[in-house]
Amino acid sequence: QVQPVESGGGLVQAGGSLRLSCTASGPTYISNTVQGWFRQAPGKEREFVGAISWVSGTFYADSVKDRFTISRDNYAKDTVHLQMNSLKPDDTAVYYCAVRRRGDWGLRYSAGSEFDLWGQGTQVTVSS
C-alpha cells in the first residue's frame, strides 16, 4: 500500500518560504502515479494546490502559480516536494498530499475524487 506521509509544515511570516515533502511509502517507484497537493483552511472547502505527473509534468492552481513549485526528489522518486515562496496569510491551511494510482491518462487531475490515497496533512501557518 502506498500511503503518503507529509512533512515540513510550520509557522512562517508573510513573505517567507517553506518546503513540504511527501513520501509515498511502500513500493518505491510507480511510474503511472500522479502526486498532488491540496489544502484546507479553517471553515473552507479543500482546494487543489498543484500536482506532478510523469505524463503531464507539473500544474498548479492559479492562486499559487509563480509562487509554489512541485518537484521530485533527485534521489527518491517516490518523494515530491512543494516549495512555497512569497507566502501569504491566505496560504494558512492544512496541506495534504494525495496519490492517484488508477492511471495517468495525461489529464490535469485537480479534483479530490481523482486521487486515491491521502496523507494525514501538515499544518502551515503564515503570520502577517
Foldseek 3Di string as FASTA:
>chain_A
DFAKAKDWADEEAAQAKTKMKIAGPDPQDDQFKKKFKWWDDPPGDIFGAKIAHPQQGIDGDPVQPPFWDKDADPPGRRMIMIIGGNDDQVVWTWMKMFMADPGCPNDRDIDPVRTDHIYPTDTHGYHD
